[in-house]
């Protein structure tokens, strides 16, 4: 049970970092900001749809959080370059 709470807490912390990185990129403006805004919206729709389908098919909450965390970590790596 602790592992599920830890995963959720880490998702929240990692998501905050990605939001900061994205806001920095958006504030800079230009073509990179525009591309990031489009990517952010399409990515959120895609991952939310995956989570919805997973929930309908019986995925555990831990699996849903794991799916979100993997996407958040990928964004953190990409945006930190």
PDB file of N, CA and C in Angstrom:
ATOM      1  N   UNK A   1       0.824  -1.197   0.000  1.00  0.00           N
ATOM      2  CA  UNK A   1       0.000   0.000   0.000  1.00  0.00           C
ATOM      3  C   UNK A   1       0.867   1.259   0.000  1.00  0.00           C
ATOM      4  N   UNK A   2       1.958   1.222   0.768  1.00  0.00           N
ATOM      5  CA  UNK A   2       2.836   2.387   0.814  1.00  0.00           C
ATOM      6  C   UNK A   2       3.386   2.714  -0.569  1.00  0.00           C
ATOM      7  N   UNK A   3       3.680   1.683  -1.349  1.00  0.00           N
ATOM      8  CA  UNK A   3       4.236   1.895  -2.693  1.00  0.00           C
ATOM      9  C   UNK A   3       3.279   2.701  -3.562  1.00  0.00           C
ATOM     10  N   UNK A   4       1.986   2.440  -3.461  1.00  0.00           N
ATOM     11  CA  UNK A   4       1.002   3.190  -4.248  1.00  0.00           C
ATOM     12  C   UNK A   4       1.006   4.662  -3.860  1.00  0.00           C
ATOM     13  N   UNK A   5       1.066   4.934  -2.560  1.00  0.00           N
ATOM     14  CA  UNK A   5       1.099   6.329  -2.107  1.00  0.00           C
ATOM     15  C   UNK A   5       2.385   7.005  -2.542  1.00  0.00           C
ATOM     16  N   UNK A   6       3.486   6.274  -2.447  1.00  0.00           N
ATOM     17  CA  UNK A   6       4.771   6.830  -2.865  1.00  0.00           C
ATOM     18  C   UNK A   6       4.751   7.172  -4.347  1.00  0.00           C
ATOM     19  N   UNK A   7       4.232   6.274  -5.178  1.00  0.00           N
ATOM     20  CA  UNK A   7       4.145   6.532  -6.616  1.00  0.00           C
ATOM     21  C   UNK A   7       3.300   7.764  -6.907  1.00  0.00           C
ATOM     22  N   UNK A   8       2.192   7.910  -6.200  1.00  0.00           N
ATOM     23  CA  UNK A   8       1.327   9.073  -6.410  1.00  0.00           C
ATOM     24  C   UNK A   8       2.029  10.359  -5.970  1.00  0.00           C
ATOM     25  N   UNK A   9       2.733  10.315  -4.853  1.00  0.00           N
ATOM     26  CA  UNK A   9       3.458  11.498  -4.380  1.00  0.00           C
ATOM     27  C   UNK A   9       4.583  11.874  -5.342  1.00  0.00           C
ATOM     28  N   UNK A  10       5.277  10.879  -5.859  1.00  0.00           N
ATOM     29  CA  UNK A  10       6.345  11.146  -6.813  1.00  0.00           C
ATOM     30  C   UNK A  10       5.789  11.698  -8.125  1.00  0.00           C
ATOM     31  N   UNK A  11       4.640  11.198  -8.549  1.00  0.00           N
ATOM     32  CA  UNK A  11       3.998  11.741  -9.740  1.00  0.00           C
ATOM     33  C   UNK A  11       3.702  13.217  -9.540  1.00  0.00           C
ATOM     34  N   UNK A  12       3.177  13.582  -8.384  1.00  0.00           N
ATOM     35  CA  UNK A  12       2.870  14.987  -8.109  1.00  0.00           C
ATOM     36  C   UNK A  12       4.130  15.847  -8.144  1.00  0.00           C
ATOM     37  N   UNK A  13       5.206  15.374  -7.517  1.00  0.00           N
ATOM     38  CA  UNK A  13       6.452  16.138  -7.490  1.00  0.00           C
ATOM     39  C   UNK A  13       7.056  16.270  -8.885  1.00  0.00           C
ATOM     40  N   UNK A  14       7.086  15.184  -9.621  1.00  0.00           N
ATOM     41  CA  UNK A  14       7.656  15.214 -10.977  1.00  0.00           C
ATOM     42  C   UNK A  14       6.809  16.078 -11.907  1.00  0.00           C
ATOM     43  N   UNK A  15       5.499  16.019 -11.743  1.00  0.00           N
ATOM     44  CA  UNK A  15       4.616  16.833 -12.583  1.00  0.00           C
ATOM     45  C   UNK A  15       4.839  18.320 -12.318  1.00  0.00           C
ATOM     46  N   UNK A  16       5.073  18.688 -11.056  1.00  0.00           N
ATOM     47  CA  UNK A  16       5.360  20.093 -10.733  1.00  0.00           C
ATOM     48  C   UNK A  16       6.626  20.559 -11.452  1.00  0.00           C
ATOM     49  N   UNK A  17       7.622  19.708 -11.482  1.00  0.00           N
ATOM     50  CA  UNK A  17       8.870  20.061 -12.161  1.00  0.00           C
ATOM     51  C   UNK A  17       8.628  20.242 -13.662  1.00  0.00           C
ATOM     52  N   UNK A  18       7.865  19.340 -14.260  1.00  0.00           N
ATOM     53  CA  UNK A  18       7.575  19.448 -15.691  1.00  0.00           C
ATOM     54  C   UNK A  18       6.757  20.704 -15.981  1.00  0.00           C
ATOM     55  N   UNK A  19       5.821  21.040 -15.101  1.00  0.00           N
ATOM     56  CA  UNK A  19       5.042  22.271 -15.309  1.00  0.00           C
ATOM     57  C   UNK A  19       5.960  23.486 -15.303  1.00  0.00           C
ATOM     58  N   UNK A  20       6.912  23.525 -14.379  1.00  0.00           N
ATOM     59  CA  UNK A  20       7.851  24.631 -14.319  1.00  0.00           C
ATOM     60  C   UNK A  20       8.682  24.700 -15.605  1.00  0.00           C
ATOM     61  N   UNK A  21       9.183  23.549 -16.064  1.00  0.00           N
ATOM     62  CA  UNK A  21       9.972  23.522 -17.296  1.00  0.00           C
ATOM     63  C   UNK A  21       9.140  23.976 -18.497  1.00  0.00           C
ATOM     64  N   UNK A  22       7.893  23.524 -18.556  1.00  0.00           N
ATOM     65  CA  UNK A  22       7.029  23.914 -19.674  1.00  0.00           C
ATOM     66  C   UNK A  22       6.690  25.394 -19.633  1.00  0.00           C
ATOM     67  N   UNK A  23       6.381  25.907 -18.458  1.00  0.00           N
ATOM     68  CA  UNK A  23       6.068  27.336 -18.352  1.00  0.00           C
ATOM     69  C   UNK A  23       7.270  28.185 -18.757  1.00  0.00           C
ATOM     70  N   UNK A  24       8.458  27.736 -18.416  1.00  0.00           N
ATOM     71  CA  UNK A  24       9.665  28.445 -18.824  1.00  0.00           C
ATOM     72  C   UNK A  24       9.778  28.469 -20.339  1.00  0.00           C
ATOM     73  N   UNK A  25       9.518  27.336 -20.948  1.00  0.00           N
ATOM     74  CA  UNK A  25       9.593  27.264 -22.414  1.00  0.00           C
ATOM     75  C   UNK A  25       8.494  28.118 -23.059  1.00  0.00           C
ATOM     76  N   UNK A  26       7.283  28.062 -22.506  1.00  0.00           N
ATOM     77  CA  UNK A  26       6.189  28.854 -23.064  1.00  0.00           C
ATOM     78  C   UNK A  26       6.446  30.349 -22.905  1.00  0.00           C
ATOM     79  N   UNK A  27       7.032  30.741 -21.777  1.00  0.00           N
ATOM     80  CA  UNK A  27       7.316  32.160 -21.534  1.00  0.00           C
ATOM     81  C   UNK A  27       8.354  32.708 -22.505  1.00  0.00           C
ATOM     82  N   UNK A  28       9.236  31.842 -22.984  1.00  0.00           N
ATOM     83  CA  UNK A  28      10.262  32.281 -23.926  1.00  0.00           C
ATOM     84  C   UNK A  28       9.666  32.633 -25.286  1.00  0.00           C
ATOM     85  N   UNK A  29       8.503  32.060 -25.590  1.00  0.00           N
ATOM     86  CA  UNK A  29       7.843  32.350 -26.857  1.00  0.00           C
ATOM     87  C   UNK A  29       8.523  31.691 -28.038  1.00  0.00           C
ATOM     88  N   UNK A  30       8.085  32.053 -29.202  1.00  0.00           N
ATOM     89  CA  UNK A  30       8.677  31.541 -30.427  1.00  0.00           C
ATOM     90  C   UNK A  30       8.101  30.206 -30.873  1.00  0.00           C
ATOM     91  N   UNK A  31       8.771  29.619 -31.844  1.00  0.00           N
ATOM     92  CA  UNK A  31       8.273  28.375 -32.429  1.00  0.00           C
ATOM     93  C   UNK A  31       8.352  27.204 -31.456  1.00  0.00           C
ATOM     94  N   UNK A  32       9.375  27.194 -30.584  1.00  0.00           N
ATOM     95  CA  UNK A  32       9.475  26.110 -29.599  1.00  0.00           C
ATOM     96  C   UNK A  32       8.308  26.158 -28.618  1.00  0.00           C
ATOM     97  N   UNK A  33       7.900  27.355 -28.245  1.00  0.00           N
ATOM     98  CA  UNK A  33       6.772  27.497 -27.314  1.00  0.00           C
ATOM     99  C   UNK A  33       5.483  27.023 -27.971  1.00  0.00           C
ATOM    100  N   UNK A  34       5.296  27.384 -29.209  1.00  0.00           N
ATOM    101  CA  UNK A  34       4.096  26.973 -29.930  1.00  0.00           C
ATOM    102  C   UNK A  34       4.038  25.450 -30.087  1.00  0.00           C
ATOM    103  N   UNK A  35       5.165  24.859 -30.436  1.00  0.00           N
ATOM    104  CA  UNK A  35       5.222  23.400 -30.585  1.00  0.00           C
ATOM    105  C   UNK A  35       4.981  22.716 -29.246  1.00  0.00           C
ATOM    106  N   UNK A  36       5.519  23.285 -28.170  1.00  0.00           N
ATOM    107  CA  UNK A  36       5.339  22.691 -26.844  1.00  0.00           C
ATOM    108  C   UNK A  36       3.877  22.762 -26.409  1.00  0.00           C
ATOM    109  N   UNK A  37       3.215  23.875 -26.701  1.00  0.00           N
ATOM    110  CA  UNK A  37       1.798  24.011 -26.338  1.00  0.00           C
ATOM    111  C   UNK A  37       0.954  22.968 -27.068  1.00  0.00           C
ATOM    112  N   UNK A  38       1.213  22.790 -28.356  1.00  0.00           N
ATOM    113  CA  UNK A  38       0.470  21.777 -29.115  1.00  0.00           C
ATOM    114  C   UNK A  38       0.760  20.381 -28.590  1.00  0.00           C
ATOM    115  N   UNK A  39       2.014  20.112 -28.325  1.00  0.00           N
ATOM    116  CA  UNK A  39       2.402  18.790 -27.821  1.00  0.00           C
ATOM    117  C   UNK A  39       1.762  18.513 -26.465  1.00  0.00           C
ATOM    118  N   UNK A  40       1.747  19.520 -25.608  1.00  0.00           N
ATOM    119  CA  UNK A  40       1.202  19.367 -24.263  1.00  0.00           C
ATOM    120  C   UNK A  40      -0.278  18.994 -24.316  1.00  0.00           C
ATOM    121  N   UNK A  41      -1.039  19.684 -25.140  1.00  0.00           N
ATOM    122  CA  UNK A  41      -2.472  19.419 -25.218  1.00  0.00           C
ATOM    123  C   UNK A  41      -2.743  18.044 -25.814  1.00  0.00           C
ATOM    124  N   UNK A  42      -2.104  17.732 -26.917  1.00  0.00           N
ATOM    125  CA  UNK A  42      -2.354  16.433 -27.555  1.00  0.00           C
ATOM    126  C   UNK A  42      -1.912  15.284 -26.661  1.00  0.00           C
ATOM    127  N   UNK A  43      -0.817  15.486 -25.953  1.00  0.00           N
ATOM    128  CA  UNK A  43      -0.319  14.442 -25.057  1.00  0.00           C
ATOM    129  C   UNK A  43      -1.288  14.195 -23.897  1.00  0.00           C
ATOM    130  N   UNK A  44      -1.836  15.261 -23.350  1.00  0.00           N
ATOM    131  CA  UNK A  44      -2.777  15.115 -22.235  1.00  0.00           C
ATOM    132  C   UNK A  44      -4.037  14.362 -22.678  1.00  0.00           C
ATOM    133  N   UNK A  45      -4.529  14.666 -23.858  1.00  0.00           N
ATOM    134  CA  UNK A  45      -5.713  13.971 -24.378  1.00  0.00           C
ATOM    135  C   UNK A  45      -5.400  12.492 -24.577  1.00  0.00           C
ATOM    136  N   UNK A  46      -4.252  12.194 -25.154  1.00  0.00           N
ATOM    137  CA  UNK A  46      -3.874  10.815 -25.428  1.00  0.00           C
ATOM    138  C   UNK A  46      -3.720  10.000 -24.144  1.00  0.00           C
ATOM    139  N   UNK A  47      -2.999  10.545 -23.164  1.00  0.00           N
ATOM    140  CA  UNK A  47      -2.754   9.806 -21.921  1.00  0.00           C
ATOM    141  C   UNK A  47      -4.044   9.660 -21.112  1.00  0.00           C
ATOM    142  N   UNK A  48      -4.885  10.684 -21.126  1.00  0.00           N
ATOM    143  CA  UNK A  48      -6.167  10.577 -20.420  1.00  0.00           C
ATOM    144  C   UNK A  48      -7.043   9.495 -21.057  1.00  0.00           C
ATOM    145  N   UNK A  49      -7.022   9.408 -22.388  1.00  0.00           N
ATOM    146  CA  UNK A  49      -7.785   8.357 -23.069  1.00  0.00           C
ATOM    147  C   UNK A  49      -7.231   6.979 -22.706  1.00  0.00           C
ATOM    148  N   UNK A  50      -5.916   6.862 -22.655  1.00  0.00           N
ATOM    149  CA  UNK A  50      -5.302   5.590 -22.247  1.00  0.00           C
ATOM    150  C   UNK A  50      -5.733   5.211 -20.833  1.00  0.00           C
ATOM    151  N   UNK A  51      -5.725   6.181 -19.939  1.00  0.00           N
ATOM    152  CA  UNK A  51      -6.114   5.912 -18.551  1.00  0.00           C
ATOM    153  C   UNK A  51      -7.572   5.504 -18.473  1.00  0.00           C
ATOM    154  N   UNK A  52      -8.434   6.153 -19.249  1.00  0.00           N
ATOM    155  CA  UNK A  52      -9.854   5.804 -19.260  1.00  0.00           C
ATOM    156  C   UNK A  52     -10.094   4.395 -19.764  1.00  0.00           C
ATOM    157  N   UNK A  53      -9.439   4.049 -20.849  1.00  0.00           N
ATOM    158  CA  UNK A  53      -9.571   2.695 -21.393  1.00  0.00           C
ATOM    159  C   UNK A  53      -9.023   1.681 -20.388  1.00  0.00           C
ATOM    160  N   UNK A  54      -7.893   2.004 -19.796  1.00  0.00           N
ATOM    161  CA  UNK A  54      -7.317   1.108 -18.798  1.00  0.00           C
ATOM    162  C   UNK A  54      -8.253   0.891 -17.622  1.00  0.00           C
ATOM    163  N   UNK A  55      -8.879   1.975 -17.161  1.00  0.00           N
ATOM    164  CA  UNK A  55      -9.824   1.855 -16.045  1.00  0.00           C
ATOM    165  C   UNK A  55     -11.011   0.981 -16.430  1.00  0.00           C
ATOM    166  N   UNK A  56     -11.492   1.143 -17.651  1.00  0.00           N
ATOM    167  CA  UNK A  56     -12.624   0.315 -18.102  1.00  0.00           C
ATOM    168  C   UNK A  56     -12.232  -1.154 -18.227  1.00  0.00           C
ATOM    169  N   UNK A  57     -10.969  -1.395 -18.514  1.00  0.00           N
ATOM    170  CA  UNK A  57     -10.504  -2.772 -18.674  1.00  0.00           C
ATOM    171  C   UNK A  57      -9.990  -3.371 -17.372  1.00  0.00           C
ATOM    172  N   UNK A  58     -10.070  -2.591 -16.293  1.00  0.00           N
ATOM    173  CA  UNK A  58      -9.716  -3.124 -14.986  1.00  0.00           C
ATOM    174  C   UNK A  58      -8.314  -2.843 -14.495  1.00  0.00           C
ATOM    175  N   UNK A  59      -7.615  -1.885 -15.102  1.00  0.00           N
ATOM    176  CA  UNK A  59      -6.284  -1.543 -14.602  1.00  0.00           C
ATOM    177  C   UNK A  59      -6.379  -1.039 -13.167  1.00  0.00           C
ATOM    178  N   UNK A  60      -5.370  -1.329 -12.397  1.00  0.00           N
ATOM    179  CA  UNK A  60      -5.313  -0.828 -11.021  1.00  0.00           C
ATOM    180  C   UNK A  60      -4.918   0.650 -11.040  1.00  0.00           C
ATOM    181  N   UNK A  61      -5.177   1.326  -9.930  1.00  0.00           N
ATOM    182  CA  UNK A  61      -4.792   2.728  -9.838  1.00  0.00           C
ATOM    183  C   UNK A  61      -3.270   2.856  -9.918  1.00  0.00           C
ATOM    184  N   UNK A  62      -2.573   1.877  -9.391  1.00  0.00           N
ATOM    185  CA  UNK A  62      -1.110   1.893  -9.444  1.00  0.00           C
ATOM    186  C   UNK A  62      -0.611   1.845 -10.886  1.00  0.00           C
ATOM    187  N   UNK A  63      -1.266   1.054 -11.694  1.00  0.00           N
ATOM    188  CA  UNK A  63      -0.871   0.960 -13.110  1.00  0.00           C
ATOM    189  C   UNK A  63      -1.129   2.277 -13.839  1.00  0.00           C
ATOM    190  N   UNK A  64      -2.256   2.915 -13.533  1.00  0.00           N
ATOM    191  CA  UNK A  64      -2.571   4.201 -14.158  1.00  0.00           C
ATOM    192  C   UNK A  64      -1.529   5.242 -13.763  1.00  0.00           C
ATOM    193  N   UNK A  65      -1.172   5.293 -12.475  1.00  0.00           N
ATOM    194  CA  UNK A  65      -0.159   6.245 -12.006  1.00  0.00           C
ATOM    195  C   UNK A  65       1.179   5.940 -12.666  1.00  0.00           C
ATOM    196  N   UNK A  66       1.505   4.680 -12.796  1.00  0.00           N
ATOM    197  CA  UNK A  66       2.758   4.284 -13.438  1.00  0.00           C
ATOM    198  C   UNK A  66       2.807   4.771 -14.887  1.00  0.00           C
ATOM    199  N   UNK A  67       1.701   4.673 -15.582  1.00  0.00           N
ATOM    200  CA  UNK A  67       1.631   5.129 -16.971  1.00  0.00           C
ATOM    201  C   UNK A  67       1.865   6.641 -17.046  1.00  0.00           C
ATOM    202  N   UNK A  68       1.212   7.394 -16.160  1.00  0.00           N
ATOM    203  CA  UNK A  68       1.403   8.843 -16.135  1.00  0.00           C
ATOM    204  C   UNK A  68       2.850   9.198 -15.775  1.00  0.00           C
ATOM    205  N   UNK A  69       3.406   8.492 -14.789  1.00  0.00           N
ATOM    206  CA  UNK A  69       4.777   8.798 -14.365  1.00  0.00           C
ATOM    207  C   UNK A  69       5.772   8.583 -15.491  1.00  0.00           C
ATOM    208  N   UNK A  70       5.573   7.543 -16.285  1.00  0.00           N
ATOM    209  CA  UNK A  70       6.532   7.297 -17.364  1.00  0.00           C
ATOM    210  C   UNK A  70       6.491   8.435 -18.378  1.00  0.00           C
ATOM    211  N   UNK A  71       5.309   8.955 -18.647  1.00  0.00           N
ATOM    212  CA  UNK A  71       5.186  10.081 -19.585  1.00  0.00           C
ATOM    213  C   UNK A  71       5.786  11.353 -18.985  1.00  0.00           C
ATOM    214  N   UNK A  72       5.533  11.570 -17.705  1.00  0.00           N
ATOM    215  CA  UNK A  72       6.071  12.755 -17.032  1.00  0.00           C
ATOM    216  C   UNK A  72       7.594  12.704 -17.002  1.00  0.00           C
ATOM    217  N   UNK A  73       8.162  11.547 -16.687  1.00  0.00           N
ATOM    218  CA  UNK A  73       9.621  11.412 -16.669  1.00  0.00           C
ATOM    219  C   UNK A  73      10.214  11.672 -18.052  1.00  0.00           C
ATOM    220  N   UNK A  74       9.559  11.173 -19.085  1.00  0.00           N
ATOM    221  CA  UNK A  74      10.049  11.404 -20.448  1.00  0.00           C
ATOM    222  C   UNK A  74      10.025  12.902 -20.770  1.00  0.00           C
ATOM    223  N   UNK A  75       8.972  13.576 -20.356  1.00  0.00           N
ATOM    224  CA  UNK A  75       8.891  15.021 -20.589  1.00  0.00           C
ATOM    225  C   UNK A  75       9.963  15.763 -19.806  1.00  0.00           C
ATOM    226  N   UNK A  76      10.216  15.344 -18.580  1.00  0.00           N
ATOM    227  CA  UNK A  76      11.244  15.999 -17.761  1.00  0.00           C
ATOM    228  C   UNK A  76      12.618  15.852 -18.422  1.00  0.00           C
ATOM    229  N   UNK A  77      12.928  14.670 -18.917  1.00  0.00           N
ATOM    230  CA  UNK A  77      14.216  14.456 -19.599  1.00  0.00           C
ATOM    231  C   UNK A  77      14.306  15.319 -20.855  1.00  0.00           C
ATOM    232  N   UNK A  78      13.237  15.331 -21.636  1.00  0.00           N
ATOM    233  CA  UNK A  78      13.235  16.085 -22.889  1.00  0.00           C
ATOM    234  C   UNK A  78      13.361  17.580 -22.639  1.00  0.00           C
ATOM    235  N   UNK A  79      12.608  18.093 -21.680  1.00  0.00           N
ATOM    236  CA  UNK A  79      12.595  19.535 -21.425  1.00  0.00           C
ATOM    237  C   UNK A  79      13.842  20.026 -20.686  1.00  0.00           C
ATOM    238  N   UNK A  80      14.558  19.122 -20.027  1.00  0.00           N
ATOM    239  CA  UNK A  80      15.748  19.515 -19.274  1.00  0.00           C
ATOM    240  C   UNK A  80      16.990  19.652 -20.143  1.00  0.00           C
ATOM    241  N   UNK A  81      16.903  19.254 -21.375  1.00  0.00           N
ATOM    242  CA  UNK A  81      18.083  19.328 -22.275  1.00  0.00           C
ATOM    243  C   UNK A  81      18.423  20.762 -22.617  1.00  0.00           C
TER     244      UNK A  81
END
